Amino acid sequence: MSSAAIATIVKMVESLPDELQEKVVEHIRDYIADLEEEKRWDASFQRTQGHLVTAARKAKQEIAAGQSVPMDYEQL
């Protein structure tokens, strides 16, 4: 984001009453925290994607070979 865009947002927020400014800031903090969390999940998924593919292939082979049993959800 450019400095001009940030300055515009700051001016918009500054034009609000203090109480609303606090609400806007809180929403922005929450939004940024959500974006950071998504970024961490994406990075984690990228690191483990190869393992997930390998596990899925192994499960598929076990099913084809008759080495698997249906999951009993009552035992979870």
PDB file of N, CA and C in Angstrom:
ATOM      1  N   MET A   1       0.867  -1.171   0.000  1.00  0.00           N
ATOM      2  CA  MET A   1       0.000   0.000   0.000  1.00  0.00           C
ATOM      3  C   MET A   1       0.908   1.227   0.000  1.00  0.00           C
ATOM      4  N   SER A   2       0.519   2.212  -0.751  1.00  0.00           N
ATOM      5  CA  SER A   2       1.334   3.413  -0.859  1.00  0.00           C
ATOM      6  C   SER A   2       1.128   4.324   0.342  1.00  0.00           C
ATOM      7  N   SER A   3       2.090   5.217   0.523  1.00  0.00           N
ATOM      8  CA  SER A   3       1.991   6.186   1.616  1.00  0.00           C
ATOM      9  C   SER A   3       0.745   7.051   1.468  1.00  0.00           C
ATOM     10  N   ALA A   4       0.368   7.363   0.227  1.00  0.00           N
ATOM     11  CA  ALA A   4      -0.815   8.195  -0.009  1.00  0.00           C
ATOM     12  C   ALA A   4      -2.080   7.465   0.449  1.00  0.00           C
ATOM     13  N   ALA A   5      -2.156   6.171   0.172  1.00  0.00           N
ATOM     14  CA  ALA A   5      -3.332   5.397   0.585  1.00  0.00           C
ATOM     15  C   ALA A   5      -3.406   5.330   2.101  1.00  0.00           C
ATOM     16  N   ILE A   6      -2.278   5.124   2.750  1.00  0.00           N
ATOM     17  CA  ILE A   6      -2.252   5.073   4.214  1.00  0.00           C
ATOM     18  C   ILE A   6      -2.646   6.426   4.797  1.00  0.00           C
ATOM     19  N   ALA A   7      -2.127   7.500   4.208  1.00  0.00           N
ATOM     20  CA  ALA A   7      -2.467   8.843   4.681  1.00  0.00           C
ATOM     21  C   ALA A   7      -3.959   9.107   4.534  1.00  0.00           C
ATOM     22  N   THR A   8      -4.551   8.621   3.439  1.00  0.00           N
ATOM     23  CA  THR A   8      -5.990   8.786   3.230  1.00  0.00           C
ATOM     24  C   THR A   8      -6.776   8.065   4.313  1.00  0.00           C
ATOM     25  N   ILE A   9      -6.367   6.848   4.623  1.00  0.00           N
ATOM     26  CA  ILE A   9      -7.053   6.089   5.672  1.00  0.00           C
ATOM     27  C   ILE A   9      -6.919   6.795   7.011  1.00  0.00           C
ATOM     28  N   VAL A  10      -5.738   7.273   7.310  1.00  0.00           N
ATOM     29  CA  VAL A  10      -5.520   7.986   8.576  1.00  0.00           C
ATOM     30  C   VAL A  10      -6.431   9.205   8.653  1.00  0.00           C
ATOM     31  N   LYS A  11      -6.516   9.979   7.574  1.00  0.00           N
ATOM     32  CA  LYS A  11      -7.384  11.159   7.562  1.00  0.00           C
ATOM     33  C   LYS A  11      -8.846  10.771   7.769  1.00  0.00           C
ATOM     34  N   MET A  12      -9.258   9.676   7.139  1.00  0.00           N
ATOM     35  CA  MET A  12     -10.644   9.217   7.282  1.00  0.00           C
ATOM     36  C   MET A  12     -10.934   8.859   8.739  1.00  0.00           C
ATOM     37  N   VAL A  13     -10.014   8.142   9.355  1.00  0.00           N
ATOM     38  CA  VAL A  13     -10.207   7.732  10.741  1.00  0.00           C
ATOM     39  C   VAL A  13     -10.167   8.948  11.663  1.00  0.00           C
ATOM     40  N   GLU A  14      -9.251   9.852  11.410  1.00  0.00           N
ATOM     41  CA  GLU A  14      -9.134  11.052  12.245  1.00  0.00           C
ATOM     42  C   GLU A  14     -10.384  11.923  12.178  1.00  0.00           C
ATOM     43  N   SER A  15     -11.140  11.821  11.090  1.00  0.00           N
ATOM     44  CA  SER A  15     -12.344  12.645  10.956  1.00  0.00           C
ATOM     45  C   SER A  15     -13.499  12.121  11.813  1.00  0.00           C
ATOM     46  N   LEU A  16     -13.340  10.933  12.353  1.00  0.00           N
ATOM     47  CA  LEU A  16     -14.389  10.321  13.172  1.00  0.00           C
ATOM     48  C   LEU A  16     -14.266  10.754  14.628  1.00  0.00           C
ATOM     49  N   PRO A  17     -15.368  10.689  15.364  1.00  0.00           N
ATOM     50  CA  PRO A  17     -15.295  10.941  16.810  1.00  0.00           C
ATOM     51  C   PRO A  17     -14.384   9.896  17.467  1.00  0.00           C
ATOM     52  N   ASP A  18     -13.803  10.261  18.612  1.00  0.00           N
ATOM     53  CA  ASP A  18     -12.844   9.393  19.288  1.00  0.00           C
ATOM     54  C   ASP A  18     -13.373   7.979  19.509  1.00  0.00           C
ATOM     55  N   GLU A  19     -14.622   7.862  19.931  1.00  0.00           N
ATOM     56  CA  GLU A  19     -15.197   6.548  20.207  1.00  0.00           C
ATOM     57  C   GLU A  19     -15.198   5.670  18.953  1.00  0.00           C
ATOM     58  N   LEU A  20     -15.565   6.263  17.826  1.00  0.00           N
ATOM     59  CA  LEU A  20     -15.568   5.507  16.571  1.00  0.00           C
ATOM     60  C   LEU A  20     -14.153   5.201  16.102  1.00  0.00           C
ATOM     61  N   GLN A  21     -13.230   6.123  16.352  1.00  0.00           N
ATOM     62  CA  GLN A  21     -11.833   5.862  16.002  1.00  0.00           C
ATOM     63  C   GLN A  21     -11.336   4.601  16.705  1.00  0.00           C
ATOM     64  N   GLU A  22     -11.674   4.484  17.979  1.00  0.00           N
ATOM     65  CA  GLU A  22     -11.259   3.308  18.746  1.00  0.00           C
ATOM     66  C   GLU A  22     -11.846   2.031  18.151  1.00  0.00           C
ATOM     67  N   LYS A  23     -13.114   2.094  17.740  1.00  0.00           N
ATOM     68  CA  LYS A  23     -13.755   0.927  17.130  1.00  0.00           C
ATOM     69  C   LYS A  23     -13.077   0.550  15.811  1.00  0.00           C
ATOM     70  N   VAL A  24     -12.765   1.551  15.005  1.00  0.00           N
ATOM     71  CA  VAL A  24     -12.107   1.298  13.723  1.00  0.00           C
ATOM     72  C   VAL A  24     -10.730   0.665  13.955  1.00  0.00           C
ATOM     73  N   VAL A  25      -9.987   1.221  14.893  1.00  0.00           N
ATOM     74  CA  VAL A  25      -8.662   0.687  15.201  1.00  0.00           C
ATOM     75  C   VAL A  25      -8.770  -0.764  15.675  1.00  0.00           C
ATOM     76  N   GLU A  26      -9.743  -1.048  16.518  1.00  0.00           N
ATOM     77  CA  GLU A  26      -9.936  -2.414  17.012  1.00  0.00           C
ATOM     78  C   GLU A  26     -10.252  -3.366  15.859  1.00  0.00           C
ATOM     79  N   HIS A  27     -11.120  -2.945  14.943  1.00  0.00           N
ATOM     80  CA  HIS A  27     -11.451  -3.778  13.783  1.00  0.00           C
ATOM     81  C   HIS A  27     -10.221  -4.011  12.907  1.00  0.00           C
ATOM     82  N   ILE A  28      -9.442  -2.974  12.706  1.00  0.00           N
ATOM     83  CA  ILE A  28      -8.234  -3.106  11.879  1.00  0.00           C
ATOM     84  C   ILE A  28      -7.243  -4.056  12.545  1.00  0.00           C
ATOM     85  N   ARG A  29      -7.077  -3.941  13.862  1.00  0.00           N
ATOM     86  CA  ARG A  29      -6.181  -4.866  14.577  1.00  0.00           C
ATOM     87  C   ARG A  29      -6.645  -6.305  14.412  1.00  0.00           C
ATOM     88  N   ASP A  30      -7.938  -6.534  14.586  1.00  0.00           N
ATOM     89  CA  ASP A  30      -8.484  -7.884  14.427  1.00  0.00           C
ATOM     90  C   ASP A  30      -8.273  -8.399  13.007  1.00  0.00           C
ATOM     91  N   TYR A  31      -8.513  -7.545  12.036  1.00  0.00           N
ATOM     92  CA  TYR A  31      -8.363  -7.934  10.635  1.00  0.00           C
ATOM     93  C   TYR A  31      -6.914  -8.296  10.326  1.00  0.00           C
ATOM     94  N   ILE A  32      -5.988  -7.480  10.797  1.00  0.00           N
ATOM     95  CA  ILE A  32      -4.568  -7.756  10.566  1.00  0.00           C
ATOM     96  C   ILE A  32      -4.160  -9.047  11.268  1.00  0.00           C
ATOM     97  N   ALA A  33      -4.649  -9.262  12.478  1.00  0.00           N
ATOM     98  CA  ALA A  33      -4.346 -10.508  13.193  1.00  0.00           C
ATOM     99  C   ALA A  33      -4.867 -11.712  12.412  1.00  0.00           C
ATOM    100  N   ASP A  34      -6.067 -11.603  11.832  1.00  0.00           N
ATOM    101  CA  ASP A  34      -6.625 -12.682  11.018  1.00  0.00           C
ATOM    102  C   ASP A  34      -5.759 -12.942   9.785  1.00  0.00           C
ATOM    103  N   LEU A  35      -5.306 -11.872   9.145  1.00  0.00           N
ATOM    104  CA  LEU A  35      -4.445 -12.027   7.969  1.00  0.00           C
ATOM    105  C   LEU A  35      -3.130 -12.709   8.332  1.00  0.00           C
ATOM    106  N   GLU A  36      -2.550 -12.323   9.474  1.00  0.00           N
ATOM    107  CA  GLU A  36      -1.305 -12.942   9.914  1.00  0.00           C
ATOM    108  C   GLU A  36      -1.511 -14.420  10.222  1.00  0.00           C
ATOM    109  N   GLU A  37      -2.648 -14.752  10.833  1.00  0.00           N
ATOM    110  CA  GLU A  37      -2.959 -16.145  11.138  1.00  0.00           C
ATOM    111  C   GLU A  37      -3.115 -16.954   9.854  1.00  0.00           C
ATOM    112  N   GLU A  38      -3.798 -16.389   8.855  1.00  0.00           N
ATOM    113  CA  GLU A  38      -3.937 -17.055   7.560  1.00  0.00           C
ATOM    114  C   GLU A  38      -2.576 -17.292   6.927  1.00  0.00           C
ATOM    115  N   LYS A  39      -1.711 -16.309   7.037  1.00  0.00           N
ATOM    116  CA  LYS A  39      -0.365 -16.422   6.472  1.00  0.00           C
ATOM    117  C   LYS A  39       0.396 -17.566   7.152  1.00  0.00           C
ATOM    118  N   ARG A  40       0.270 -17.688   8.481  1.00  0.00           N
ATOM    119  CA  ARG A  40       0.927 -18.782   9.205  1.00  0.00           C
ATOM    120  C   ARG A  40       0.367 -20.135   8.783  1.00  0.00           C
ATOM    121  N   TRP A  41      -0.968 -20.230   8.628  1.00  0.00           N
ATOM    122  CA  TRP A  41      -1.578 -21.486   8.193  1.00  0.00           C
ATOM    123  C   TRP A  41      -1.122 -21.853   6.784  1.00  0.00           C
ATOM    124  N   ASP A  42      -1.065 -20.859   5.896  1.00  0.00           N
ATOM    125  CA  ASP A  42      -0.610 -21.121   4.527  1.00  0.00           C
ATOM    126  C   ASP A  42       0.825 -21.644   4.522  1.00  0.00           C
ATOM    127  N   ALA A  43       1.680 -21.022   5.328  1.00  0.00           N
ATOM    128  CA  ALA A  43       3.076 -21.458   5.404  1.00  0.00           C
ATOM    129  C   ALA A  43       3.157 -22.868   5.976  1.00  0.00           C
ATOM    130  N   SER A  44       2.373 -23.146   6.996  1.00  0.00           N
ATOM    131  CA  SER A  44       2.361 -24.479   7.599  1.00  0.00           C
ATOM    132  C   SER A  44       1.883 -25.517   6.590  1.00  0.00           C
ATOM    133  N   PHE A  45       0.840 -25.191   5.870  1.00  0.00           N
ATOM    134  CA  PHE A  45       0.313 -26.115   4.864  1.00  0.00           C
ATOM    135  C   PHE A  45       1.353 -26.383   3.786  1.00  0.00           C
ATOM    136  N   GLN A  46       2.047 -25.346   3.348  1.00  0.00           N
ATOM    137  CA  GLN A  46       3.077 -25.515   2.323  1.00  0.00           C
ATOM    138  C   GLN A  46       4.181 -26.450   2.814  1.00  0.00           C
ATOM    139  N   ARG A  47       4.542 -26.339   4.097  1.00  0.00           N
ATOM    140  CA  ARG A  47       5.594 -27.191   4.657  1.00  0.00           C
ATOM    141  C   ARG A  47       5.149 -28.648   4.758  1.00  0.00           C
ATOM    142  N   THR A  48       3.851 -28.876   4.977  1.00  0.00           N
ATOM    143  CA  THR A  48       3.372 -30.237   5.221  1.00  0.00           C
ATOM    144  C   THR A  48       2.648 -30.858   4.031  1.00  0.00           C
ATOM    145  N   GLN A  49       2.465 -30.108   2.968  1.00  0.00           N
ATOM    146  CA  GLN A  49       1.694 -30.597   1.829  1.00  0.00           C
ATOM    147  C   GLN A  49       2.262 -31.901   1.267  1.00  0.00           C
ATOM    148  N   GLY A  50       3.577 -32.012   1.161  1.00  0.00           N
ATOM    149  CA  GLY A  50       4.196 -33.227   0.648  1.00  0.00           C
ATOM    150  C   GLY A  50       3.884 -34.428   1.521  1.00  0.00           C
ATOM    151  N   HIS A  51       3.897 -34.220   2.845  1.00  0.00           N
ATOM    152  CA  HIS A  51       3.582 -35.305   3.777  1.00  0.00           C
ATOM    153  C   HIS A  51       2.120 -35.730   3.640  1.00  0.00           C
ATOM    154  N   LEU A  52       1.242 -34.755   3.432  1.00  0.00           N
ATOM    155  CA  LEU A  52      -0.176 -35.084   3.266  1.00  0.00           C
ATOM    156  C   LEU A  52      -0.418 -35.910   2.007  1.00  0.00           C
ATOM    157  N   VAL A  53       0.260 -35.546   0.935  1.00  0.00           N
ATOM    158  CA  VAL A  53       0.118 -36.288  -0.320  1.00  0.00           C
ATOM    159  C   VAL A  53       0.627 -37.717  -0.134  1.00  0.00           C
ATOM    160  N   THR A  54       1.770 -37.860   0.525  1.00  0.00           N
ATOM    161  CA  THR A  54       2.330 -39.191   0.781  1.00  0.00           C
ATOM    162  C   THR A  54       1.383 -40.029   1.629  1.00  0.00           C
ATOM    163  N   ALA A  55       0.825 -39.451   2.674  1.00  0.00           N
ATOM    164  CA  ALA A  55      -0.109 -40.172   3.543  1.00  0.00           C
ATOM    165  C   ALA A  55      -1.357 -40.584   2.773  1.00  0.00           C
ATOM    166  N   ALA A  56      -1.850 -39.704   1.915  1.00  0.00           N
ATOM    167  CA  ALA A  56      -3.044 -40.024   1.125  1.00  0.00           C
ATOM    168  C   ALA A  56      -2.764 -41.172   0.162  1.00  0.00           C
ATOM    169  N   ARG A  57      -1.603 -41.151  -0.470  1.00  0.00           N
ATOM    170  CA  ARG A  57      -1.243 -42.239  -1.389  1.00  0.00           C
ATOM    171  C   ARG A  57      -1.138 -43.572  -0.637  1.00  0.00           C
ATOM    172  N   LYS A  58      -0.518 -43.532   0.535  1.00  0.00           N
ATOM    173  CA  LYS A  58      -0.377 -44.752   1.342  1.00  0.00           C
ATOM    174  C   LYS A  58      -1.753 -45.291   1.737  1.00  0.00           C
ATOM    175  N   ALA A  59      -2.646 -44.400   2.167  1.00  0.00           N
ATOM    176  CA  ALA A  59      -3.993 -44.821   2.554  1.00  0.00           C
ATOM    177  C   ALA A  59      -4.716 -45.439   1.371  1.00  0.00           C
ATOM    178  N   LYS A  60      -4.564 -44.837   0.211  1.00  0.00           N
ATOM    179  CA  LYS A  60      -5.214 -45.356  -0.999  1.00  0.00           C
ATOM    180  C   LYS A  60      -4.700 -46.761  -1.324  1.00  0.00           C
ATOM    181  N   GLN A  61      -3.390 -46.953  -1.181  1.00  0.00           N
ATOM    182  CA  GLN A  61      -2.800 -48.266  -1.446  1.00  0.00           C
ATOM    183  C   GLN A  61      -3.303 -49.298  -0.437  1.00  0.00           C
ATOM    184  N   GLU A  62      -3.388 -48.916   0.824  1.00  0.00           N
ATOM    185  CA  GLU A  62      -3.867 -49.834   1.858  1.00  0.00           C
ATOM    186  C   GLU A  62      -5.326 -50.218   1.618  1.00  0.00           C
ATOM    187  N   ILE A  63      -6.118 -49.262   1.197  1.00  0.00           N
ATOM    188  CA  ILE A  63      -7.529 -49.548   0.891  1.00  0.00           C
ATOM    189  C   ILE A  63      -7.607 -50.526  -0.273  1.00  0.00           C
ATOM    190  N   ALA A  64      -6.829 -50.268  -1.324  1.00  0.00           N
ATOM    191  CA  ALA A  64      -6.837 -51.133  -2.501  1.00  0.00           C
ATOM    192  C   ALA A  64      -6.365 -52.543  -2.163  1.00  0.00           C
ATOM    193  N   ALA A  65      -5.437 -52.646  -1.205  1.00  0.00           N
ATOM    194  CA  ALA A  65      -4.898 -53.954  -0.822  1.00  0.00           C
ATOM    195  C   ALA A  65      -5.753 -54.640   0.242  1.00  0.00           C
ATOM    196  N   GLY A  66      -6.847 -54.013   0.646  1.00  0.00           N
ATOM    197  CA  GLY A  66      -7.718 -54.594   1.656  1.00  0.00           C
ATOM    198  C   GLY A  66      -7.129 -54.566   3.057  1.00  0.00           C
ATOM    199  N   GLN A  67      -6.181 -53.658   3.299  1.00  0.00           N
ATOM    200  CA  GLN A  67      -5.511 -53.583   4.600  1.00  0.00           C
ATOM    201  C   GLN A  67      -6.120 -52.537   5.527  1.00  0.00           C
ATOM    202  N   SER A  68      -7.255 -52.007   5.153  1.00  0.00           N
ATOM    203  CA  SER A  68      -7.860 -50.957   5.981  1.00  0.00           C
ATOM    204  C   SER A  68      -9.225 -51.418   6.479  1.00  0.00           C
ATOM    205  N   VAL A  69      -9.662 -50.773   7.539  1.00  0.00           N
ATOM    206  CA  VAL A  69     -11.002 -51.043   8.075  1.00  0.00           C
ATOM    207  C   VAL A  69     -11.735 -49.715   8.200  1.00  0.00           C
ATOM    208  N   PRO A  70     -13.044 -49.734   8.050  1.00  0.00           N
ATOM    209  CA  PRO A  70     -13.802 -48.479   8.195  1.00  0.00           C
ATOM    210  C   PRO A  70     -13.590 -47.882   9.593  1.00  0.00           C
ATOM    211  N   MET A  71     -13.553 -46.570   9.655  1.00  0.00           N
ATOM    212  CA  MET A  71     -13.353 -45.876  10.919  1.00  0.00           C
ATOM    213  C   MET A  71     -14.616 -45.984  11.781  1.00  0.00           C
ATOM    214  N   ASP A  72     -14.418 -46.287  13.031  1.00  0.00           N
ATOM    215  CA  ASP A  72     -15.521 -46.340  13.988  1.00  0.00           C
ATOM    216  C   ASP A  72     -15.581 -44.994  14.706  1.00  0.00           C
ATOM    217  N   TYR A  73     -16.482 -44.136  14.278  1.00  0.00           N
ATOM    218  CA  TYR A  73     -16.564 -42.784  14.817  1.00  0.00           C
ATOM    219  C   TYR A  73     -16.979 -42.760  16.285  1.00  0.00           C
ATOM    220  N   GLU A  74     -17.554 -43.832  16.775  1.00  0.00           N
ATOM    221  CA  GLU A  74     -17.947 -43.911  18.179  1.00  0.00           C
ATOM    222  C   GLU A  74     -16.727 -44.019  19.094  1.00  0.00           C
ATOM    223  N   GLN A  75     -15.603 -44.449  18.547  1.00  0.00           N
ATOM    224  CA  GLN A  75     -14.389 -44.611  19.356  1.00  0.00           C
ATOM    225  C   GLN A  75     -13.523 -43.355  19.377  1.00  0.00           C
ATOM    226  N   LEU A  76     -13.908 -42.329  18.681  1.00  0.00           N
ATOM    227  CA  LEU A  76     -13.124 -41.087  18.659  1.00  0.00           C
ATOM    228  C   LEU A  76     -13.231 -40.340  19.938  1.00  0.00           C
TER     229      LEU A  76
END
